[in-house]
Amino acid sequence: MNKVYSKKELKARAQEVFEQYPSEDKVFAREDGNIFFNENLADLGRGKLKVYPFDRSDIVKSDKAVEDIEVNAEVIHNTPTVDTPKVEAPVVDSPAVDTPKVEAPTVEAPTVDKTLGKDGKNPETRKSNTKK
């Protein structure tokens, strides 16, 4: 029988995947230990196994705790508040563009070979095909 992983074990495996794939924000772990980036693929062929979604923000922690980050409170409180002026984008009228007229290509009628017989077959070929 295949091993069924606990949610805690799957969370550890999901953390490894997030470390290997920094651009992915969500993974789906199936109880058999397989990790997927697409929920539909995780559900495909799972049978009775459960699928657990894991978000990067829930698993991967930053290197420093929030308490360890130093903030200079004086700089924040003494920053002058300045109303930023509103800048309006100029409105530019686009020049009129002349679109060239495109004519449909002319189609010539197919040429008819006048050496053919009434039924459209070559009369000489018709005679040679007859039984003797």
C-alpha atoms as a PDB file:
ATOM      1  CA  MET A   1       0.000   0.000   0.000  1.00  0.00           C
ATOM      2  CA  ASN A   2       1.241   3.502  -0.769  1.00  0.00           C
ATOM      3  CA  LYS A   3       2.145   5.840   2.057  1.00  0.00           C
ATOM      4  CA  VAL A   4      -0.372   8.507   3.019  1.00  0.00           C
ATOM      5  CA  TYR A   5       1.258  11.693   4.313  1.00  0.00           C
ATOM      6  CA  SER A   6      -0.137  13.818   7.128  1.00  0.00           C
ATOM      7  CA  LYS A   7      -1.009  17.470   6.606  1.00  0.00           C
ATOM      8  CA  LYS A   8       2.065  18.482   8.634  1.00  0.00           C
ATOM      9  CA  GLU A   9       4.341  16.401   6.386  1.00  0.00           C
ATOM     10  CA  LEU A  10       2.692  17.837   3.277  1.00  0.00           C
ATOM     11  CA  LYS A  11       3.211  21.348   4.612  1.00  0.00           C
ATOM     12  CA  ALA A  12       6.945  20.621   4.977  1.00  0.00           C
ATOM     13  CA  ARG A  13       7.071  19.307   1.397  1.00  0.00           C
ATOM     14  CA  ALA A  14       5.171  22.372   0.163  1.00  0.00           C
ATOM     15  CA  GLN A  15       7.746  24.592   1.875  1.00  0.00           C
ATOM     16  CA  GLU A  16      10.525  22.805  -0.031  1.00  0.00           C
ATOM     17  CA  VAL A  17       8.655  23.403  -3.296  1.00  0.00           C
ATOM     18  CA  PHE A  18       8.221  27.107  -2.505  1.00  0.00           C
ATOM     19  CA  GLU A  19      11.967  27.380  -1.893  1.00  0.00           C
ATOM     20  CA  GLN A  20      12.690  25.748  -5.269  1.00  0.00           C
ATOM     21  CA  TYR A  21      10.069  27.763  -7.172  1.00  0.00           C
ATOM     22  CA  PRO A  22      10.074  31.372  -5.899  1.00  0.00           C
ATOM     23  CA  SER A  23       7.588  32.556  -8.535  1.00  0.00           C
ATOM     24  CA  GLU A  24       4.804  30.207  -7.391  1.00  0.00           C
ATOM     25  CA  ASP A  25       2.354  31.502  -4.774  1.00  0.00           C
ATOM     26  CA  LYS A  26       0.118  28.458  -4.290  1.00  0.00           C
ATOM     27  CA  VAL A  27       0.551  24.691  -4.416  1.00  0.00           C
ATOM     28  CA  PHE A  28      -1.803  21.763  -3.996  1.00  0.00           C
ATOM     29  CA  ALA A  29      -0.524  18.744  -2.059  1.00  0.00           C
ATOM     30  CA  ARG A  30      -2.144  15.344  -2.420  1.00  0.00           C
ATOM     31  CA  GLU A  31      -2.008  12.871   0.483  1.00  0.00           C
ATOM     32  CA  ASP A  32       0.207  10.538  -1.553  1.00  0.00           C
ATOM     33  CA  GLY A  33       2.962  13.207  -1.378  1.00  0.00           C
ATOM     34  CA  ASN A  34       2.652  14.658  -4.865  1.00  0.00           C
ATOM     35  CA  ILE A  35       2.705  18.458  -5.149  1.00  0.00           C
ATOM     36  CA  PHE A  36       0.939  20.308  -7.970  1.00  0.00           C
ATOM     37  CA  PHE A  37       0.754  23.948  -9.096  1.00  0.00           C
ATOM     38  CA  ASN A  38      -2.674  23.369 -10.687  1.00  0.00           C
ATOM     39  CA  GLU A  39      -5.639  22.234  -8.590  1.00  0.00           C
ATOM     40  CA  ASN A  40      -7.228  20.377 -11.494  1.00  0.00           C
ATOM     41  CA  LEU A  41      -4.122  18.246 -11.926  1.00  0.00           C
ATOM     42  CA  ALA A  42      -4.072  17.489  -8.189  1.00  0.00           C
ATOM     43  CA  ASP A  43      -7.706  16.334  -8.335  1.00  0.00           C
ATOM     44  CA  LEU A  44      -7.101  14.213 -11.421  1.00  0.00           C
ATOM     45  CA  GLY A  45      -6.708  10.570 -10.424  1.00  0.00           C
ATOM     46  CA  ARG A  46      -6.669  11.253  -6.699  1.00  0.00           C
ATOM     47  CA  GLY A  47      -9.264   8.593  -5.893  1.00  0.00           C
ATOM     48  CA  LYS A  48     -10.099   8.805  -2.187  1.00  0.00           C
ATOM     49  CA  LEU A  49      -7.034  10.895  -1.315  1.00  0.00           C
ATOM     50  CA  LYS A  50      -7.501  14.453  -0.054  1.00  0.00           C
ATOM     51  CA  VAL A  51      -5.912  17.515  -1.671  1.00  0.00           C
ATOM     52  CA  TYR A  52      -4.644  20.325   0.567  1.00  0.00           C
ATOM     53  CA  PRO A  53      -3.995  23.836  -0.785  1.00  0.00           C
ATOM     54  CA  PHE A  54      -1.006  25.750   0.614  1.00  0.00           C
ATOM     55  CA  ASP A  55      -0.268  29.462   0.135  1.00  0.00           C
ATOM     56  CA  ARG A  56       3.267  30.815   0.151  1.00  0.00           C
ATOM     57  CA  SER A  57       2.278  33.496   2.677  1.00  0.00           C
ATOM     58  CA  ASP A  58       1.134  30.802   5.159  1.00  0.00           C
ATOM     59  CA  ILE A  59       4.270  28.675   4.911  1.00  0.00           C
ATOM     60  CA  VAL A  60       7.329  30.704   3.964  1.00  0.00           C
ATOM     61  CA  LYS A  61       8.340  33.114   6.680  1.00  0.00           C
ATOM     62  CA  SER A  62      10.638  36.088   6.193  1.00  0.00           C
ATOM     63  CA  ASP A  63      14.208  35.827   7.492  1.00  0.00           C
ATOM     64  CA  LYS A  64      13.633  38.371  10.259  1.00  0.00           C
ATOM     65  CA  ALA A  65      10.755  38.526  12.650  1.00  0.00           C
ATOM     66  CA  VAL A  66       8.729  41.731  12.671  1.00  0.00           C
ATOM     67  CA  GLU A  67      10.076  42.620  16.127  1.00  0.00           C
ATOM     68  CA  ASP A  68      13.693  42.468  14.845  1.00  0.00           C
ATOM     69  CA  ILE A  69      13.204  45.136  12.181  1.00  0.00           C
ATOM     70  CA  GLU A  70      14.476  48.508  13.387  1.00  0.00           C
ATOM     71  CA  VAL A  71      12.449  51.580  12.552  1.00  0.00           C
ATOM     72  CA  ASN A  72      13.684  55.103  13.205  1.00  0.00           C
ATOM     73  CA  ALA A  73      10.544  56.689  14.607  1.00  0.00           C
ATOM     74  CA  GLU A  74      11.978  60.210  14.577  1.00  0.00           C
ATOM     75  CA  VAL A  75      12.403  60.210  10.831  1.00  0.00           C
ATOM     76  CA  ILE A  76       8.850  59.070  10.318  1.00  0.00           C
ATOM     77  CA  HIS A  77       7.306  61.640  12.674  1.00  0.00           C
ATOM     78  CA  ASN A  78       9.416  64.581  11.537  1.00  0.00           C
ATOM     79  CA  THR A  79       8.778  64.131   7.845  1.00  0.00           C
ATOM     80  CA  PRO A  80       7.098  67.215   6.497  1.00  0.00           C
ATOM     81  CA  THR A  81       3.731  66.647   5.009  1.00  0.00           C
ATOM     82  CA  VAL A  82       3.601  68.215   1.598  1.00  0.00           C
ATOM     83  CA  ASP A  83       0.565  68.237  -0.588  1.00  0.00           C
ATOM     84  CA  THR A  84       1.704  66.893  -3.877  1.00  0.00           C
ATOM     85  CA  PRO A  85       0.445  68.934  -6.792  1.00  0.00           C
ATOM     86  CA  LYS A  86      -1.912  67.255  -9.179  1.00  0.00           C
ATOM     87  CA  VAL A  87      -0.457  66.831 -12.603  1.00  0.00           C
ATOM     88  CA  GLU A  88      -2.887  66.616 -15.439  1.00  0.00           C
ATOM     89  CA  ALA A  89      -1.877  64.807 -18.560  1.00  0.00           C
ATOM     90  CA  PRO A  90      -2.185  66.928 -21.679  1.00  0.00           C
ATOM     91  CA  VAL A  91      -4.834  65.913 -24.152  1.00  0.00           C
ATOM     92  CA  VAL A  92      -3.381  65.358 -27.584  1.00  0.00           C
ATOM     93  CA  ASP A  93      -5.538  65.192 -30.651  1.00  0.00           C
ATOM     94  CA  SER A  94      -4.372  62.446 -32.920  1.00  0.00           C
ATOM     95  CA  PRO A  95      -4.042  63.361 -36.600  1.00  0.00           C
ATOM     96  CA  ALA A  96      -6.484  61.882 -39.049  1.00  0.00           C
ATOM     97  CA  VAL A  97      -5.108  58.898 -40.840  1.00  0.00           C
ATOM     98  CA  ASP A  98      -6.038  58.239 -44.441  1.00  0.00           C
ATOM     99  CA  THR A  99      -6.657  54.570 -44.975  1.00  0.00           C
ATOM    100  CA  PRO A 100      -5.895  53.414 -48.503  1.00  0.00           C
ATOM    101  CA  LYS A 101      -8.644  51.684 -50.404  1.00  0.00           C
ATOM    102  CA  VAL A 102      -7.956  48.068 -51.116  1.00  0.00           C
ATOM    103  CA  GLU A 103      -9.563  46.615 -54.201  1.00  0.00           C
ATOM    104  CA  ALA A 104     -10.559  43.009 -54.397  1.00  0.00           C
ATOM    105  CA  PRO A 105      -8.394  40.970 -56.752  1.00  0.00           C
ATOM    106  CA  THR A 106      -9.921  40.159 -60.105  1.00  0.00           C
ATOM    107  CA  VAL A 107     -10.539  36.520 -60.837  1.00  0.00           C
ATOM    108  CA  GLU A 108     -10.354  35.364 -64.428  1.00  0.00           C
ATOM    109  CA  ALA A 109     -12.753  32.760 -65.739  1.00  0.00           C
ATOM    110  CA  PRO A 110     -11.137  29.393 -66.377  1.00  0.00           C
ATOM    111  CA  THR A 111     -10.140  28.776 -69.972  1.00  0.00           C
ATOM    112  CA  VAL A 112     -12.047  26.090 -71.803  1.00  0.00           C
ATOM    113  CA  ASP A 113     -10.249  23.706 -74.085  1.00  0.00           C
ATOM    114  CA  LYS A 114     -12.368  23.590 -77.243  1.00  0.00           C
ATOM    115  CA  THR A 115     -10.833  20.305 -78.369  1.00  0.00           C
ATOM    116  CA  LEU A 116     -12.861  18.454 -75.755  1.00  0.00           C
ATOM    117  CA  GLY A 117     -16.078  16.724 -76.697  1.00  0.00           C
ATOM    118  CA  LYS A 118     -19.581  17.342 -75.387  1.00  0.00           C
ATOM    119  CA  ASP A 119     -19.023  15.449 -72.170  1.00  0.00           C
ATOM    120  CA  GLY A 120     -15.767  17.286 -71.417  1.00  0.00           C
ATOM    121  CA  LYS A 121     -13.492  14.415 -72.376  1.00  0.00           C
ATOM    122  CA  ASN A 122     -10.901  14.348 -75.088  1.00  0.00           C
ATOM    123  CA  PRO A 123     -12.501  12.672 -78.115  1.00  0.00           C
ATOM    124  CA  GLU A 124      -9.278  10.935 -79.101  1.00  0.00           C
ATOM    125  CA  THR A 125      -8.873   9.446 -75.696  1.00  0.00           C
ATOM    126  CA  ARG A 126     -12.468   8.332 -75.772  1.00  0.00           C
ATOM    127  CA  LYS A 127     -11.912   6.454 -79.015  1.00  0.00           C
ATOM    128  CA  SER A 128      -8.805   4.747 -77.741  1.00  0.00           C
ATOM    129  CA  ASN A 129     -10.619   3.527 -74.629  1.00  0.00           C
ATOM    130  CA  THR A 130     -13.341   1.756 -76.533  1.00  0.00           C
ATOM    131  CA  LYS A 131     -13.163  -2.010 -76.815  1.00  0.00           C
ATOM    132  CA  LYS A 132     -12.328  -3.445 -80.192  1.00  0.00           C
END
